[in-house]
Amino acid sequence: MKLSELKQHYEEGWTVNELAKKTGYSVSEIRNALRHEFPEVHPTKEFRDFQVTKLHSEGMTDKEMADEMGIRLAYVQTIRNRLKLNQNKQILGESKRKWLYMYLAGWTDEEIAEMLKLSIRTIQDFRTYHKFPENRRD
């Protein structure tokens, strides 16, 4: 993919992660290619702190934040620890049983996430990993 195509797709709203997946280039290669015209592809420390704080407040786990931000898990953990934020929990033990009861009762991902105090994405990932279809409210 040519640099002009990368720029066009980025302007159309593709994320750096999406560009990397579609082209086979690494995230850092995409950022380096776009950095002169789009300085936001190299976020500042303050912006990374803001991202981690925001995603953490939404209940995302460290892995979910790393995936969302396109950075290494260890970097998210370093930022979260520096900001003195506790690690958000995954669906473990008792929560798995509660999830199953709520799911079988017809609860939506959003309702389950709110009740278990987990991110919607955590619930969705757990459900799709275990090959359960989505419950919907019509």
N, C-alpha and C. Protein backbone atom coordinates (compact mmCIF):
# COMPACT_ATOMS: atom_id res chain seq x y z
N MET A 1 0.86 -1.18 0.00
CA MET A 1 0.00 0.00 0.00
C MET A 1 0.90 1.23 0.00
N LYS A 2 0.56 2.19 -0.83
CA LYS A 2 1.34 3.42 -0.95
C LYS A 2 1.03 4.35 0.22
N LEU A 3 1.98 5.28 0.47
CA LEU A 3 1.80 6.25 1.54
C LEU A 3 0.54 7.07 1.32
N SER A 4 0.26 7.43 0.08
CA SER A 4 -0.96 8.21 -0.20
C SER A 4 -2.22 7.44 0.18
N GLU A 5 -2.19 6.11 -0.04
CA GLU A 5 -3.34 5.28 0.34
C GLU A 5 -3.47 5.19 1.86
N LEU A 6 -2.34 5.06 2.55
CA LEU A 6 -2.36 5.04 4.02
C LEU A 6 -2.99 6.32 4.55
N LYS A 7 -2.54 7.46 4.01
CA LYS A 7 -3.07 8.76 4.45
C LYS A 7 -4.57 8.85 4.19
N GLN A 8 -4.97 8.40 3.01
CA GLN A 8 -6.40 8.46 2.65
C GLN A 8 -7.23 7.62 3.61
N HIS A 9 -6.80 6.40 3.87
CA HIS A 9 -7.55 5.53 4.78
C HIS A 9 -7.57 6.09 6.20
N TYR A 10 -6.44 6.66 6.63
CA TYR A 10 -6.38 7.25 7.97
C TYR A 10 -7.37 8.42 8.05
N GLU A 11 -7.42 9.24 7.02
CA GLU A 11 -8.36 10.37 7.00
C GLU A 11 -9.81 9.90 6.96
N GLU A 12 -10.04 8.72 6.40
CA GLU A 12 -11.39 8.15 6.34
C GLU A 12 -11.82 7.57 7.69
N GLY A 13 -10.89 7.53 8.64
CA GLY A 13 -11.25 7.07 9.98
C GLY A 13 -10.68 5.73 10.38
N TRP A 14 -9.87 5.12 9.51
CA TRP A 14 -9.23 3.87 9.89
C TRP A 14 -8.26 4.15 11.03
N THR A 15 -8.19 3.26 11.99
CA THR A 15 -7.23 3.40 13.08
C THR A 15 -5.88 2.87 12.63
N VAL A 16 -4.84 3.22 13.38
CA VAL A 16 -3.50 2.72 13.08
C VAL A 16 -3.50 1.19 13.17
N ASN A 17 -4.22 0.65 14.15
CA ASN A 17 -4.29 -0.81 14.28
C ASN A 17 -4.95 -1.45 13.06
N GLU A 18 -6.03 -0.85 12.59
CA GLU A 18 -6.71 -1.39 11.41
C GLU A 18 -5.81 -1.34 10.19
N LEU A 19 -5.09 -0.24 10.02
CA LEU A 19 -4.17 -0.12 8.89
C LEU A 19 -3.09 -1.20 8.97
N ALA A 20 -2.58 -1.43 10.17
CA ALA A 20 -1.53 -2.44 10.34
C ALA A 20 -2.07 -3.83 9.98
N LYS A 21 -3.26 -4.15 10.44
CA LYS A 21 -3.84 -5.47 10.14
C LYS A 21 -4.10 -5.64 8.64
N LYS A 22 -4.59 -4.58 8.00
CA LYS A 22 -4.93 -4.67 6.57
C LYS A 22 -3.69 -4.74 5.67
N THR A 23 -2.61 -4.07 6.10
CA THR A 23 -1.44 -3.96 5.22
C THR A 23 -0.34 -4.96 5.53
N GLY A 24 -0.32 -5.47 6.77
CA GLY A 24 0.76 -6.36 7.17
C GLY A 24 1.95 -5.62 7.75
N TYR A 25 1.90 -4.28 7.75
CA TYR A 25 2.95 -3.50 8.40
C TYR A 25 2.70 -3.49 9.90
N SER A 26 3.74 -3.22 10.68
CA SER A 26 3.55 -3.12 12.13
C SER A 26 2.93 -1.77 12.47
N VAL A 27 2.39 -1.68 13.67
CA VAL A 27 1.79 -0.42 14.13
C VAL A 27 2.84 0.68 14.12
N SER A 28 4.05 0.38 14.57
CA SER A 28 5.09 1.42 14.61
C SER A 28 5.48 1.86 13.20
N GLU A 29 5.49 0.96 12.24
CA GLU A 29 5.78 1.34 10.85
C GLU A 29 4.71 2.27 10.31
N ILE A 30 3.45 1.97 10.62
CA ILE A 30 2.35 2.84 10.18
C ILE A 30 2.48 4.21 10.82
N ARG A 31 2.74 4.24 12.13
CA ARG A 31 2.89 5.52 12.84
C ARG A 31 4.03 6.34 12.25
N ASN A 32 5.16 5.69 11.98
CA ASN A 32 6.29 6.40 11.42
C ASN A 32 5.97 6.97 10.04
N ALA A 33 5.22 6.23 9.25
CA ALA A 33 4.86 6.69 7.91
C ALA A 33 3.92 7.90 7.97
N LEU A 34 3.08 7.96 8.97
CA LEU A 34 2.06 9.01 9.05
C LEU A 34 2.44 10.19 9.96
N ARG A 35 3.52 10.07 10.70
CA ARG A 35 3.80 11.03 11.79
C ARG A 35 3.98 12.47 11.35
N HIS A 36 4.49 12.72 10.15
CA HIS A 36 4.73 14.11 9.73
C HIS A 36 3.43 14.83 9.42
N GLU A 37 2.50 14.14 8.80
CA GLU A 37 1.24 14.78 8.43
C GLU A 37 0.18 14.68 9.53
N PHE A 38 0.27 13.64 10.36
CA PHE A 38 -0.72 13.41 11.42
C PHE A 38 0.01 13.20 12.75
N PRO A 39 0.38 14.29 13.44
CA PRO A 39 1.17 14.15 14.67
C PRO A 39 0.47 13.35 15.77
N GLU A 40 -0.86 13.25 15.70
CA GLU A 40 -1.59 12.52 16.74
C GLU A 40 -1.32 11.03 16.73
N VAL A 41 -0.70 10.51 15.67
CA VAL A 41 -0.41 9.07 15.66
C VAL A 41 0.72 8.73 16.63
N HIS A 42 1.45 9.75 17.09
CA HIS A 42 2.46 9.57 18.14
C HIS A 42 1.98 10.33 19.38
N PRO A 43 1.10 9.71 20.15
CA PRO A 43 0.49 10.40 21.29
C PRO A 43 1.50 10.80 22.36
N THR A 44 1.21 11.90 23.03
CA THR A 44 2.04 12.36 24.13
C THR A 44 1.78 11.52 25.38
N LYS A 45 2.66 11.68 26.35
CA LYS A 45 2.49 10.98 27.63
C LYS A 45 1.15 11.36 28.26
N GLU A 46 0.81 12.62 28.20
CA GLU A 46 -0.45 13.09 28.78
C GLU A 46 -1.65 12.44 28.10
N PHE A 47 -1.57 12.31 26.76
CA PHE A 47 -2.68 11.69 26.04
C PHE A 47 -2.80 10.21 26.39
N ARG A 48 -1.65 9.50 26.49
CA ARG A 48 -1.69 8.09 26.88
C ARG A 48 -2.29 7.95 28.27
N ASP A 49 -1.90 8.84 29.19
CA ASP A 49 -2.46 8.81 30.54
C ASP A 49 -3.97 8.99 30.49
N PHE A 50 -4.41 9.94 29.67
CA PHE A 50 -5.85 10.19 29.51
C PHE A 50 -6.55 8.95 28.97
N GLN A 51 -5.96 8.32 27.93
CA GLN A 51 -6.57 7.12 27.33
C GLN A 51 -6.71 6.01 28.37
N VAL A 52 -5.63 5.74 29.11
CA VAL A 52 -5.66 4.66 30.10
C VAL A 52 -6.70 4.98 31.18
N THR A 53 -6.73 6.20 31.64
CA THR A 53 -7.69 6.60 32.67
C THR A 53 -9.12 6.41 32.17
N LYS A 54 -9.39 6.85 30.94
CA LYS A 54 -10.73 6.74 30.37
C LYS A 54 -11.14 5.28 30.18
N LEU A 55 -10.29 4.50 29.54
CA LEU A 55 -10.62 3.10 29.28
C LEU A 55 -10.72 2.31 30.58
N HIS A 56 -9.87 2.63 31.54
CA HIS A 56 -9.92 1.98 32.86
C HIS A 56 -11.25 2.27 33.53
N SER A 57 -11.71 3.53 33.43
CA SER A 57 -12.99 3.90 34.06
C SER A 57 -14.17 3.19 33.40
N GLU A 58 -13.98 2.75 32.15
CA GLU A 58 -15.02 1.98 31.45
C GLU A 58 -14.98 0.51 31.83
N GLY A 59 -14.01 0.12 32.68
CA GLY A 59 -13.94 -1.25 33.16
C GLY A 59 -13.07 -2.17 32.34
N MET A 60 -12.33 -1.63 31.38
CA MET A 60 -11.50 -2.49 30.52
C MET A 60 -10.33 -3.08 31.30
N THR A 61 -9.99 -4.31 30.94
CA THR A 61 -8.80 -4.94 31.50
C THR A 61 -7.57 -4.37 30.82
N ASP A 62 -6.39 -4.65 31.37
CA ASP A 62 -5.14 -4.17 30.77
C ASP A 62 -5.00 -4.66 29.33
N LYS A 63 -5.33 -5.91 29.08
CA LYS A 63 -5.22 -6.45 27.72
C LYS A 63 -6.17 -5.73 26.77
N GLU A 64 -7.39 -5.48 27.21
CA GLU A 64 -8.35 -4.77 26.37
C GLU A 64 -7.85 -3.36 26.04
N MET A 65 -7.28 -2.70 27.06
CA MET A 65 -6.74 -1.35 26.83
C MET A 65 -5.59 -1.40 25.84
N ALA A 66 -4.70 -2.38 26.00
CA ALA A 66 -3.55 -2.50 25.09
C ALA A 66 -4.03 -2.73 23.66
N ASP A 67 -5.01 -3.60 23.49
CA ASP A 67 -5.56 -3.86 22.16
C ASP A 67 -6.20 -2.60 21.58
N GLU A 68 -6.96 -1.91 22.38
CA GLU A 68 -7.66 -0.71 21.93
C GLU A 68 -6.68 0.40 21.53
N MET A 69 -5.60 0.54 22.31
CA MET A 69 -4.65 1.62 22.08
C MET A 69 -3.54 1.24 21.10
N GLY A 70 -3.42 -0.05 20.82
CA GLY A 70 -2.38 -0.50 19.90
C GLY A 70 -0.99 -0.44 20.49
N ILE A 71 -0.90 -0.70 21.79
CA ILE A 71 0.40 -0.70 22.47
C ILE A 71 0.57 -2.00 23.24
N ARG A 72 1.78 -2.22 23.74
CA ARG A 72 2.07 -3.45 24.47
C ARG A 72 1.36 -3.47 25.83
N LEU A 73 0.99 -4.68 26.25
CA LEU A 73 0.35 -4.89 27.55
C LEU A 73 1.21 -4.33 28.68
N ALA A 74 2.51 -4.58 28.62
CA ALA A 74 3.41 -4.10 29.68
C ALA A 74 3.39 -2.58 29.79
N TYR A 75 3.24 -1.89 28.67
CA TYR A 75 3.20 -0.43 28.68
C TYR A 75 1.93 0.05 29.36
N VAL A 76 0.80 -0.59 29.09
CA VAL A 76 -0.46 -0.24 29.76
C VAL A 76 -0.30 -0.46 31.26
N GLN A 77 0.29 -1.57 31.65
CA GLN A 77 0.48 -1.86 33.08
C GLN A 77 1.37 -0.81 33.73
N THR A 78 2.41 -0.38 33.04
CA THR A 78 3.30 0.66 33.56
C THR A 78 2.55 1.97 33.77
N ILE A 79 1.76 2.36 32.78
CA ILE A 79 0.98 3.60 32.89
C ILE A 79 -0.04 3.49 34.02
N ARG A 80 -0.77 2.36 34.06
CA ARG A 80 -1.80 2.18 35.10
C ARG A 80 -1.18 2.21 36.49
N ASN A 81 -0.05 1.56 36.66
CA ASN A 81 0.62 1.55 37.96
C ASN A 81 1.10 2.95 38.35
N ARG A 82 1.65 3.69 37.38
CA ARG A 82 2.11 5.06 37.66
C ARG A 82 0.95 5.95 38.07
N LEU A 83 -0.23 5.72 37.46
CA LEU A 83 -1.42 6.49 37.78
C LEU A 83 -2.13 5.99 39.04
N LYS A 84 -1.57 4.92 39.62
CA LYS A 84 -2.11 4.31 40.84
C LYS A 84 -3.57 3.85 40.66
N LEU A 85 -3.83 3.22 39.50
CA LEU A 85 -5.14 2.65 39.22
C LEU A 85 -5.09 1.16 39.48
N ASN A 86 -6.08 0.62 40.16
CA ASN A 86 -6.15 -0.81 40.39
C ASN A 86 -6.43 -1.54 39.09
N GLN A 87 -6.01 -2.78 39.02
CA GLN A 87 -6.26 -3.58 37.82
C GLN A 87 -7.73 -3.96 37.77
N ASN A 88 -8.37 -3.74 36.62
CA ASN A 88 -9.76 -4.18 36.45
C ASN A 88 -9.78 -5.69 36.30
N LYS A 89 -10.81 -6.30 36.85
CA LYS A 89 -10.86 -7.75 36.87
C LYS A 89 -11.44 -8.35 35.60
N GLN A 90 -11.08 -9.59 35.37
CA GLN A 90 -11.64 -10.37 34.28
C GLN A 90 -12.76 -11.22 34.85
N ILE A 91 -13.44 -11.93 33.97
CA ILE A 91 -14.50 -12.83 34.44
C ILE A 91 -13.83 -14.08 34.99
N LEU A 92 -13.86 -14.23 36.30
CA LEU A 92 -13.23 -15.37 36.95
C LEU A 92 -14.19 -15.98 37.97
N GLY A 93 -13.98 -17.25 38.27
CA GLY A 93 -14.67 -17.95 39.35
C GLY A 93 -16.16 -17.72 39.42
N GLU A 94 -16.60 -17.13 40.53
CA GLU A 94 -18.02 -16.91 40.82
C GLU A 94 -18.70 -16.08 39.74
N SER A 95 -17.97 -15.12 39.16
CA SER A 95 -18.56 -14.27 38.12
C SER A 95 -18.96 -15.08 36.89
N LYS A 96 -18.23 -16.15 36.59
CA LYS A 96 -18.59 -16.99 35.44
C LYS A 96 -19.96 -17.63 35.66
N ARG A 97 -20.17 -18.12 36.86
CA ARG A 97 -21.46 -18.74 37.18
C ARG A 97 -22.58 -17.71 37.13
N LYS A 98 -22.33 -16.53 37.70
CA LYS A 98 -23.34 -15.46 37.67
C LYS A 98 -23.64 -15.06 36.23
N TRP A 99 -22.56 -14.95 35.41
CA TRP A 99 -22.75 -14.60 34.00
C TRP A 99 -23.68 -15.60 33.33
N LEU A 100 -23.43 -16.89 33.55
CA LEU A 100 -24.23 -17.92 32.90
C LEU A 100 -25.70 -17.82 33.31
N TYR A 101 -25.97 -17.63 34.60
CA TYR A 101 -27.36 -17.48 35.05
C TYR A 101 -28.03 -16.27 34.40
N MET A 102 -27.34 -15.16 34.37
CA MET A 102 -27.92 -13.94 33.78
C MET A 102 -28.11 -14.11 32.28
N TYR A 103 -27.13 -14.72 31.62
CA TYR A 103 -27.22 -14.94 30.18
C TYR A 103 -28.42 -15.83 29.86
N LEU A 104 -28.56 -16.94 30.58
CA LEU A 104 -29.65 -17.87 30.33
C LEU A 104 -31.01 -17.26 30.66
N ALA A 105 -31.01 -16.26 31.54
CA ALA A 105 -32.26 -15.56 31.88
C ALA A 105 -32.59 -14.49 30.84
N GLY A 106 -31.73 -14.34 29.82
CA GLY A 106 -32.02 -13.41 28.74
C GLY A 106 -31.44 -12.02 28.88
N TRP A 107 -30.53 -11.82 29.85
CA TRP A 107 -29.93 -10.51 30.06
C TRP A 107 -29.03 -10.16 28.88
N THR A 108 -28.95 -8.87 28.53
CA THR A 108 -28.06 -8.41 27.46
C THR A 108 -26.64 -8.25 28.02
N ASP A 109 -25.68 -8.12 27.11
CA ASP A 109 -24.29 -7.90 27.53
C ASP A 109 -24.17 -6.66 28.41
N GLU A 110 -24.89 -5.60 28.03
CA GLU A 110 -24.83 -4.34 28.79
C GLU A 110 -25.36 -4.53 30.21
N GLU A 111 -26.46 -5.25 30.34
CA GLU A 111 -27.05 -5.48 31.67
C GLU A 111 -26.12 -6.33 32.54
N ILE A 112 -25.53 -7.35 31.93
CA ILE A 112 -24.61 -8.23 32.68
C ILE A 112 -23.38 -7.44 33.11
N ALA A 113 -22.84 -6.64 32.19
CA ALA A 113 -21.64 -5.85 32.50
C ALA A 113 -21.91 -4.91 33.67
N GLU A 114 -23.06 -4.26 33.65
CA GLU A 114 -23.40 -3.33 34.73
C GLU A 114 -23.53 -4.07 36.06
N MET A 115 -24.19 -5.21 36.06
CA MET A 115 -24.40 -5.96 37.29
C MET A 115 -23.08 -6.51 37.86
N LEU A 116 -22.20 -7.02 36.97
CA LEU A 116 -20.93 -7.60 37.43
C LEU A 116 -19.82 -6.57 37.57
N LYS A 117 -20.13 -5.32 37.20
CA LYS A 117 -19.15 -4.23 37.26
C LYS A 117 -17.91 -4.55 36.42
N LEU A 118 -18.19 -4.99 35.18
CA LEU A 118 -17.15 -5.29 34.20
C LEU A 118 -17.44 -4.48 32.94
N SER A 119 -16.46 -4.37 32.07
CA SER A 119 -16.71 -3.64 30.82
C SER A 119 -17.59 -4.48 29.91
N ILE A 120 -18.33 -3.79 29.06
CA ILE A 120 -19.17 -4.48 28.08
C ILE A 120 -18.29 -5.33 27.18
N ARG A 121 -17.13 -4.80 26.82
CA ARG A 121 -16.22 -5.55 25.95
C ARG A 121 -15.77 -6.85 26.60
N THR A 122 -15.51 -6.83 27.90
CA THR A 122 -15.11 -8.06 28.61
C THR A 122 -16.22 -9.10 28.50
N ILE A 123 -17.45 -8.66 28.70
CA ILE A 123 -18.60 -9.56 28.61
C ILE A 123 -18.75 -10.09 27.18
N GLN A 124 -18.65 -9.20 26.19
CA GLN A 124 -18.78 -9.61 24.79
C GLN A 124 -17.68 -10.61 24.41
N ASP A 125 -16.45 -10.31 24.80
CA ASP A 125 -15.33 -11.22 24.48
C ASP A 125 -15.53 -12.58 25.11
N PHE A 126 -15.98 -12.59 26.37
CA PHE A 126 -16.22 -13.85 27.07
C PHE A 126 -17.32 -14.65 26.37
N ARG A 127 -18.40 -13.96 26.01
CA ARG A 127 -19.53 -14.62 25.35
C ARG A 127 -19.12 -15.18 23.99
N THR A 128 -18.42 -14.40 23.18
CA THR A 128 -18.04 -14.88 21.85
C THR A 128 -16.98 -15.97 21.93
N TYR A 129 -16.08 -15.88 22.91
CA TYR A 129 -15.07 -16.92 23.10
C TYR A 129 -15.74 -18.27 23.37
N HIS A 130 -16.83 -18.24 24.13
CA HIS A 130 -17.55 -19.47 24.47
C HIS A 130 -18.68 -19.79 23.48
N LYS A 131 -18.71 -19.03 22.38
CA LYS A 131 -19.61 -19.28 21.24
C LYS A 131 -21.11 -19.19 21.61
N PHE A 132 -21.43 -18.22 22.48
CA PHE A 132 -22.83 -17.96 22.80
C PHE A 132 -23.31 -16.82 21.92
N PRO A 133 -24.53 -16.92 21.36
CA PRO A 133 -25.06 -15.79 20.59
C PRO A 133 -25.46 -14.65 21.53
N GLU A 134 -25.55 -13.47 20.97
CA GLU A 134 -25.90 -12.28 21.76
C GLU A 134 -27.39 -12.30 22.11
N ASN A 135 -27.72 -11.97 23.38
CA ASN A 135 -29.11 -11.75 23.78
C ASN A 135 -29.46 -10.33 23.39
N ARG A 136 -30.63 -10.15 22.82
CA ARG A 136 -31.05 -8.81 22.39
C ARG A 136 -32.40 -8.47 22.98
N ARG A 137 -32.58 -7.18 23.21
CA ARG A 137 -33.88 -6.66 23.64
C ARG A 137 -34.53 -6.03 22.42
N ASP A 138 -35.63 -6.57 21.99
CA ASP A 138 -36.31 -6.01 20.80
C ASP A 138 -37.47 -5.13 21.18
